[in-house]
Amino acid sequence: MSTVTDPIADFLARVRNGTRALKPEVLVPYSRIKAEVARILKDEGYITDYSIDTSAAHPRIKITNKIANRSSAIAGLRRVSRPGLRRYVGADEIPRVLGGMGLAILSTSRGVLSGREAKKQKVGGELLAYVW
C-alpha cells in the first residue's frame, strides 16, 4: 500500500487528468481542505459542481467537470507550495495568475480562499495552487 505525501498535489493531478481526458466526473478521496479547494473551483466557475459521497467506507468528493465543445474550463493546474518548499505570501504579495485571468488558491487564517477574496479581506497565507 502506498501513501500520498502531498494530498493537495494528488487532488490537483486527479482533476487535471480528468479534465484532459474530458471525463464528466472525477472521484477524489475526501478531506476538508480538498472540499474547500473544490468549493473555490465551483465558485470561480472552473467546475460545474462537487458533492461529498459518504456512502462508501472511505468518503469521496465527486467533481463534475465543466466541459463544452470538447474542451474543459480548466486549462491548467499547478501546485505552488509543497511539503519540501512551502511558499507563503502577504496580502499585498498575492500574485495575479495570467494577468488576472487565472486563480490563486491560498490557505489563510480565515480558511481556504481565492486570491481575490484574500486580497479583499487583506489576509495572506500559504499559496496552495494556481488554476487557469
N, C-alpha and C. Protein backbone atom coordinates (compact mmCIF):
# COMPACT_ATOMS: atom_id res chain seq x y z
N MET A 1 0.84 -1.18 0.00
CA MET A 1 0.00 0.00 0.00
C MET A 1 0.89 1.24 0.00
N SER A 2 0.59 2.16 -0.87
CA SER A 2 1.38 3.38 -0.94
C SER A 2 0.65 4.50 -0.20
N THR A 3 1.43 5.44 0.29
CA THR A 3 0.83 6.59 0.95
C THR A 3 1.11 7.84 0.13
N VAL A 4 0.20 8.75 0.18
CA VAL A 4 0.33 10.00 -0.56
C VAL A 4 0.99 11.02 0.36
N THR A 5 2.13 11.56 -0.05
CA THR A 5 2.83 12.52 0.80
C THR A 5 2.29 13.94 0.63
N ASP A 6 1.65 14.22 -0.49
CA ASP A 6 1.09 15.55 -0.74
C ASP A 6 -0.33 15.40 -1.27
N PRO A 7 -1.32 15.38 -0.37
CA PRO A 7 -2.71 15.16 -0.80
C PRO A 7 -3.25 16.24 -1.74
N ILE A 8 -2.80 17.49 -1.58
CA ILE A 8 -3.29 18.56 -2.46
C ILE A 8 -2.77 18.33 -3.88
N ALA A 9 -1.50 17.96 -4.01
CA ALA A 9 -0.94 17.68 -5.34
C ALA A 9 -1.65 16.49 -5.98
N ASP A 10 -1.99 15.48 -5.18
CA ASP A 10 -2.72 14.33 -5.69
C ASP A 10 -4.11 14.76 -6.17
N PHE A 11 -4.78 15.61 -5.41
CA PHE A 11 -6.09 16.15 -5.79
C PHE A 11 -6.00 16.89 -7.12
N LEU A 12 -5.01 17.79 -7.23
CA LEU A 12 -4.85 18.58 -8.46
C LEU A 12 -4.52 17.68 -9.65
N ALA A 13 -3.69 16.66 -9.43
CA ALA A 13 -3.33 15.74 -10.52
C ALA A 13 -4.55 14.97 -11.01
N ARG A 14 -5.39 14.52 -10.08
CA ARG A 14 -6.60 13.78 -10.47
C ARG A 14 -7.56 14.68 -11.26
N VAL A 15 -7.72 15.91 -10.81
CA VAL A 15 -8.60 16.84 -11.53
C VAL A 15 -8.01 17.16 -12.90
N ARG A 16 -6.70 17.41 -12.96
CA ARG A 16 -6.03 17.72 -14.24
C ARG A 16 -6.19 16.55 -15.21
N ASN A 17 -5.93 15.33 -14.75
CA ASN A 17 -6.04 14.16 -15.62
C ASN A 17 -7.48 13.94 -16.09
N GLY A 18 -8.44 14.16 -15.19
CA GLY A 18 -9.84 14.01 -15.57
C GLY A 18 -10.29 15.03 -16.60
N THR A 19 -9.82 16.27 -16.45
CA THR A 19 -10.22 17.30 -17.41
C THR A 19 -9.54 17.10 -18.75
N ARG A 20 -8.29 16.67 -18.74
CA ARG A 20 -7.60 16.43 -20.02
C ARG A 20 -8.20 15.26 -20.77
N ALA A 21 -8.69 14.26 -20.03
CA ALA A 21 -9.33 13.11 -20.66
C ALA A 21 -10.81 13.38 -20.95
N LEU A 22 -11.27 14.60 -20.65
CA LEU A 22 -12.66 15.02 -20.84
C LEU A 22 -13.65 14.11 -20.12
N LYS A 23 -13.26 13.66 -18.93
CA LYS A 23 -14.15 12.85 -18.11
C LYS A 23 -15.22 13.76 -17.50
N PRO A 24 -16.47 13.35 -17.51
CA PRO A 24 -17.51 14.21 -16.94
C PRO A 24 -17.41 14.32 -15.41
N GLU A 25 -16.89 13.27 -14.76
CA GLU A 25 -16.78 13.27 -13.29
C GLU A 25 -15.44 12.70 -12.87
N VAL A 26 -14.94 13.20 -11.73
CA VAL A 26 -13.69 12.72 -11.15
C VAL A 26 -13.95 12.44 -9.68
N LEU A 27 -13.50 11.28 -9.19
CA LEU A 27 -13.63 10.93 -7.78
C LEU A 27 -12.29 11.13 -7.09
N VAL A 28 -12.32 11.78 -5.93
CA VAL A 28 -11.12 12.11 -5.17
C VAL A 28 -11.37 11.75 -3.71
N PRO A 29 -10.38 11.16 -3.01
CA PRO A 29 -10.57 10.90 -1.58
C PRO A 29 -10.86 12.20 -0.83
N TYR A 30 -11.74 12.12 0.16
CA TYR A 30 -12.21 13.31 0.88
C TYR A 30 -11.22 13.78 1.93
N SER A 31 -11.07 15.08 2.03
CA SER A 31 -10.50 15.77 3.19
C SER A 31 -11.12 17.16 3.20
N ARG A 32 -11.09 17.81 4.34
CA ARG A 32 -11.73 19.14 4.45
C ARG A 32 -11.07 20.14 3.51
N ILE A 33 -9.74 20.12 3.44
CA ILE A 33 -9.05 21.11 2.60
C ILE A 33 -9.35 20.87 1.12
N LYS A 34 -9.45 19.60 0.70
CA LYS A 34 -9.80 19.31 -0.69
C LYS A 34 -11.22 19.77 -1.00
N ALA A 35 -12.12 19.60 -0.04
CA ALA A 35 -13.50 20.06 -0.23
C ALA A 35 -13.54 21.58 -0.35
N GLU A 36 -12.71 22.28 0.40
CA GLU A 36 -12.65 23.74 0.31
C GLU A 36 -12.08 24.19 -1.03
N VAL A 37 -11.05 23.49 -1.53
CA VAL A 37 -10.49 23.82 -2.84
C VAL A 37 -11.55 23.57 -3.92
N ALA A 38 -12.30 22.47 -3.80
CA ALA A 38 -13.37 22.18 -4.77
C ALA A 38 -14.45 23.26 -4.71
N ARG A 39 -14.76 23.76 -3.51
CA ARG A 39 -15.74 24.84 -3.37
C ARG A 39 -15.28 26.09 -4.11
N ILE A 40 -13.99 26.42 -3.98
CA ILE A 40 -13.46 27.60 -4.67
C ILE A 40 -13.51 27.40 -6.17
N LEU A 41 -13.15 26.20 -6.65
CA LEU A 41 -13.21 25.93 -8.09
C LEU A 41 -14.63 26.08 -8.62
N LYS A 42 -15.62 25.66 -7.83
CA LYS A 42 -17.02 25.81 -8.24
C LYS A 42 -17.44 27.28 -8.21
N ASP A 43 -17.08 27.99 -7.14
CA ASP A 43 -17.46 29.41 -7.02
C ASP A 43 -16.85 30.25 -8.14
N GLU A 44 -15.64 29.90 -8.57
CA GLU A 44 -14.96 30.67 -9.63
C GLU A 44 -15.34 30.19 -11.03
N GLY A 45 -16.16 29.12 -11.14
CA GLY A 45 -16.66 28.68 -12.43
C GLY A 45 -15.77 27.70 -13.18
N TYR A 46 -14.81 27.08 -12.50
CA TYR A 46 -13.93 26.13 -13.18
C TYR A 46 -14.52 24.72 -13.24
N ILE A 47 -15.42 24.39 -12.30
CA ILE A 47 -16.13 23.11 -12.34
C ILE A 47 -17.62 23.39 -12.22
N THR A 48 -18.43 22.44 -12.68
CA THR A 48 -19.88 22.62 -12.62
C THR A 48 -20.39 22.45 -11.20
N ASP A 49 -19.94 21.37 -10.54
CA ASP A 49 -20.43 21.08 -9.19
C ASP A 49 -19.49 20.10 -8.52
N TYR A 50 -19.67 19.95 -7.21
CA TYR A 50 -18.98 18.91 -6.47
C TYR A 50 -19.93 18.43 -5.38
N SER A 51 -19.76 17.18 -4.98
CA SER A 51 -20.56 16.64 -3.89
C SER A 51 -19.70 15.68 -3.09
N ILE A 52 -20.06 15.51 -1.83
CA ILE A 52 -19.31 14.62 -0.95
C ILE A 52 -20.13 13.35 -0.79
N ASP A 53 -19.54 12.23 -1.19
CA ASP A 53 -20.20 10.92 -1.14
C ASP A 53 -19.71 10.18 0.10
N THR A 54 -20.57 10.03 1.09
CA THR A 54 -20.19 9.36 2.33
C THR A 54 -20.75 7.94 2.42
N SER A 55 -21.32 7.43 1.34
CA SER A 55 -21.93 6.11 1.37
C SER A 55 -20.90 4.99 1.40
N ALA A 56 -19.71 5.22 0.88
CA ALA A 56 -18.66 4.19 0.87
C ALA A 56 -17.93 4.19 2.21
N ALA A 57 -17.05 3.20 2.38
CA ALA A 57 -16.27 3.10 3.61
C ALA A 57 -15.37 4.32 3.79
N HIS A 58 -14.80 4.79 2.68
CA HIS A 58 -13.97 6.00 2.70
C HIS A 58 -14.70 7.08 1.92
N PRO A 59 -15.00 8.20 2.56
CA PRO A 59 -15.71 9.27 1.84
C PRO A 59 -14.92 9.79 0.65
N ARG A 60 -15.64 10.22 -0.37
CA ARG A 60 -15.01 10.74 -1.59
C ARG A 60 -15.70 12.03 -2.01
N ILE A 61 -14.97 12.83 -2.77
CA ILE A 61 -15.53 14.04 -3.37
C ILE A 61 -15.74 13.74 -4.85
N LYS A 62 -16.97 13.94 -5.32
CA LYS A 62 -17.26 13.75 -6.74
C LYS A 62 -17.29 15.12 -7.40
N ILE A 63 -16.36 15.36 -8.32
CA ILE A 63 -16.24 16.64 -9.00
C ILE A 63 -16.82 16.49 -10.40
N THR A 64 -17.76 17.36 -10.76
CA THR A 64 -18.35 17.37 -12.09
C THR A 64 -17.66 18.45 -12.91
N ASN A 65 -16.93 18.01 -13.93
CA ASN A 65 -16.16 18.95 -14.76
C ASN A 65 -17.06 19.76 -15.67
N LYS A 66 -16.63 20.98 -15.95
CA LYS A 66 -17.34 21.85 -16.89
C LYS A 66 -16.70 21.64 -18.25
N ILE A 67 -17.41 20.92 -19.13
CA ILE A 67 -16.88 20.59 -20.45
C ILE A 67 -17.86 21.10 -21.50
N ALA A 68 -17.33 21.85 -22.47
CA ALA A 68 -18.14 22.35 -23.58
C ALA A 68 -17.30 22.33 -24.84
N ASN A 69 -17.89 21.89 -25.93
CA ASN A 69 -17.20 21.84 -27.23
C ASN A 69 -15.87 21.09 -27.15
N ARG A 70 -15.89 19.96 -26.48
CA ARG A 70 -14.71 19.09 -26.33
C ARG A 70 -13.51 19.81 -25.72
N SER A 71 -13.78 20.75 -24.82
CA SER A 71 -12.70 21.38 -24.06
C SER A 71 -13.21 21.68 -22.65
N SER A 72 -12.28 21.73 -21.72
CA SER A 72 -12.62 21.94 -20.33
C SER A 72 -12.42 23.39 -19.93
N ALA A 73 -13.10 23.81 -18.88
CA ALA A 73 -12.91 25.17 -18.36
C ALA A 73 -11.55 25.31 -17.70
N ILE A 74 -10.97 24.20 -17.25
CA ILE A 74 -9.65 24.22 -16.62
C ILE A 74 -8.60 23.93 -17.68
N ALA A 75 -7.76 24.91 -17.97
CA ALA A 75 -6.67 24.70 -18.93
C ALA A 75 -5.44 24.15 -18.23
N GLY A 76 -5.23 24.52 -16.97
CA GLY A 76 -4.07 24.03 -16.24
C GLY A 76 -4.20 24.24 -14.75
N LEU A 77 -3.47 23.41 -14.01
CA LEU A 77 -3.41 23.48 -12.55
C LEU A 77 -1.95 23.31 -12.15
N ARG A 78 -1.49 24.08 -11.16
CA ARG A 78 -0.11 23.91 -10.72
C ARG A 78 -0.03 24.06 -9.21
N ARG A 79 0.60 23.10 -8.56
CA ARG A 79 0.85 23.16 -7.12
C ARG A 79 2.00 24.12 -6.89
N VAL A 80 1.86 25.05 -5.97
CA VAL A 80 2.90 26.05 -5.72
C VAL A 80 3.66 25.69 -4.45
N SER A 81 3.01 25.79 -3.30
CA SER A 81 3.64 25.44 -2.04
C SER A 81 3.54 23.93 -1.87
N ARG A 82 4.66 23.29 -1.59
CA ARG A 82 4.66 21.83 -1.47
C ARG A 82 5.36 21.45 -0.17
N PRO A 83 5.29 20.20 0.25
CA PRO A 83 5.89 19.83 1.54
C PRO A 83 7.38 20.14 1.65
N GLY A 84 8.13 20.03 0.57
CA GLY A 84 9.56 20.29 0.63
C GLY A 84 9.92 21.76 0.52
N LEU A 85 9.00 22.58 0.05
CA LEU A 85 9.27 24.01 -0.13
C LEU A 85 7.96 24.78 0.00
N ARG A 86 7.68 25.21 1.21
CA ARG A 86 6.46 25.96 1.47
C ARG A 86 6.61 27.38 0.94
N ARG A 87 5.51 27.94 0.44
CA ARG A 87 5.55 29.31 -0.09
C ARG A 87 4.43 30.11 0.57
N TYR A 88 4.82 31.12 1.31
CA TYR A 88 3.87 31.99 2.00
C TYR A 88 3.92 33.38 1.38
N VAL A 89 2.78 34.03 1.30
CA VAL A 89 2.71 35.38 0.75
C VAL A 89 1.87 36.26 1.67
N GLY A 90 2.22 37.54 1.71
CA GLY A 90 1.42 38.51 2.45
C GLY A 90 0.25 38.96 1.59
N ALA A 91 -0.64 39.72 2.18
CA ALA A 91 -1.84 40.17 1.46
C ALA A 91 -1.48 41.01 0.24
N ASP A 92 -0.40 41.78 0.33
CA ASP A 92 -0.01 42.63 -0.79
C ASP A 92 0.91 41.92 -1.78
N GLU A 93 1.26 40.66 -1.51
CA GLU A 93 2.15 39.90 -2.40
C GLU A 93 1.43 38.80 -3.16
N ILE A 94 0.11 38.74 -3.06
CA ILE A 94 -0.65 37.68 -3.74
C ILE A 94 -0.53 37.89 -5.25
N PRO A 95 -0.01 36.89 -5.97
CA PRO A 95 0.25 37.08 -7.40
C PRO A 95 -1.03 37.04 -8.24
N ARG A 96 -0.97 37.70 -9.38
CA ARG A 96 -2.03 37.61 -10.38
C ARG A 96 -1.63 36.49 -11.33
N VAL A 97 -2.53 35.57 -11.57
CA VAL A 97 -2.25 34.43 -12.44
C VAL A 97 -2.74 34.78 -13.84
N LEU A 98 -1.87 34.68 -14.82
CA LEU A 98 -2.17 35.01 -16.21
C LEU A 98 -2.79 36.39 -16.35
N GLY A 99 -2.22 37.36 -15.67
CA GLY A 99 -2.71 38.73 -15.77
C GLY A 99 -4.12 38.91 -15.25
N GLY A 100 -4.52 38.11 -14.29
CA GLY A 100 -5.86 38.21 -13.71
C GLY A 100 -6.86 37.24 -14.31
N MET A 101 -6.46 36.50 -15.34
CA MET A 101 -7.37 35.54 -15.97
C MET A 101 -7.41 34.21 -15.22
N GLY A 102 -6.40 33.94 -14.40
CA GLY A 102 -6.33 32.71 -13.64
C GLY A 102 -6.72 32.93 -12.19
N LEU A 103 -6.42 31.95 -11.37
CA LEU A 103 -6.85 31.94 -9.98
C LEU A 103 -5.72 31.45 -9.10
N ALA A 104 -5.47 32.14 -7.99
CA ALA A 104 -4.55 31.67 -6.96
C ALA A 104 -5.40 31.16 -5.81
N ILE A 105 -5.02 30.04 -5.22
CA ILE A 105 -5.74 29.48 -4.07
C ILE A 105 -4.81 29.52 -2.87
N LEU A 106 -5.28 30.11 -1.77
CA LEU A 106 -4.47 30.27 -0.57
C LEU A 106 -5.13 29.62 0.63
N SER A 107 -4.31 29.12 1.54
CA SER A 107 -4.77 28.66 2.84
C SER A 107 -4.42 29.76 3.83
N THR A 108 -5.43 30.40 4.40
CA THR A 108 -5.21 31.54 5.28
C THR A 108 -5.74 31.23 6.68
N SER A 109 -5.58 32.19 7.57
CA SER A 109 -6.12 32.04 8.92
C SER A 109 -7.65 32.09 8.91
N ARG A 110 -8.23 32.55 7.82
CA ARG A 110 -9.69 32.60 7.67
C ARG A 110 -10.22 31.49 6.77
N GLY A 111 -9.43 30.46 6.58
CA GLY A 111 -9.83 29.33 5.75
C GLY A 111 -9.18 29.37 4.39
N VAL A 112 -9.59 28.47 3.52
CA VAL A 112 -9.06 28.42 2.16
C VAL A 112 -9.81 29.45 1.33
N LEU A 113 -9.05 30.36 0.70
CA LEU A 113 -9.66 31.46 -0.05
C LEU A 113 -9.03 31.58 -1.43
N SER A 114 -9.76 32.18 -2.36
CA SER A 114 -9.19 32.53 -3.66
C SER A 114 -8.31 33.76 -3.46
N GLY A 115 -7.44 34.03 -4.40
CA GLY A 115 -6.56 35.18 -4.31
C GLY A 115 -7.34 36.49 -4.21
N ARG A 116 -8.43 36.58 -4.97
CA ARG A 116 -9.25 37.80 -4.94
C ARG A 116 -9.87 38.03 -3.56
N GLU A 117 -10.42 36.95 -2.98
CA GLU A 117 -11.04 37.06 -1.65
C GLU A 117 -10.00 37.39 -0.59
N ALA A 118 -8.82 36.79 -0.68
CA ALA A 118 -7.77 37.06 0.29
C ALA A 118 -7.32 38.52 0.21
N LYS A 119 -7.21 39.06 -1.01
CA LYS A 119 -6.85 40.48 -1.16
C LYS A 119 -7.95 41.37 -0.58
N LYS A 120 -9.21 41.00 -0.84
CA LYS A 120 -10.34 41.78 -0.34
C LYS A 120 -10.35 41.81 1.19
N GLN A 121 -10.05 40.65 1.80
CA GLN A 121 -10.05 40.56 3.26
C GLN A 121 -8.71 40.97 3.87
N LYS A 122 -7.73 41.29 3.01
CA LYS A 122 -6.40 41.73 3.43
C LYS A 122 -5.71 40.70 4.32
N VAL A 123 -5.73 39.43 3.88
CA VAL A 123 -5.02 38.37 4.59
C VAL A 123 -4.09 37.65 3.62
N GLY A 124 -2.96 37.22 4.13
CA GLY A 124 -2.03 36.41 3.35
C GLY A 124 -2.10 34.98 3.86
N GLY A 125 -1.22 34.14 3.34
CA GLY A 125 -1.20 32.76 3.79
C GLY A 125 -0.34 31.91 2.89
N GLU A 126 -0.57 30.60 2.97
CA GLU A 126 0.19 29.65 2.16
C GLU A 126 -0.42 29.57 0.77
N LEU A 127 0.39 29.77 -0.24
CA LEU A 127 -0.05 29.75 -1.64
C LEU A 127 -0.13 28.29 -2.09
N LEU A 128 -1.34 27.74 -2.15
CA LEU A 128 -1.52 26.32 -2.45
C LEU A 128 -1.36 26.00 -3.93
N ALA A 129 -2.07 26.72 -4.80
CA ALA A 129 -2.09 26.34 -6.21
C ALA A 129 -2.48 27.50 -7.10
N TYR A 130 -2.16 27.33 -8.39
CA TYR A 130 -2.63 28.23 -9.45
C TYR A 130 -3.56 27.43 -10.34
N VAL A 131 -4.62 28.06 -10.80
CA VAL A 131 -5.56 27.44 -11.74
C VAL A 131 -5.78 28.44 -12.87
N TRP A 132 -5.77 27.94 -14.11
CA TRP A 132 -6.07 28.81 -15.26
C TRP A 132 -6.80 28.05 -16.32
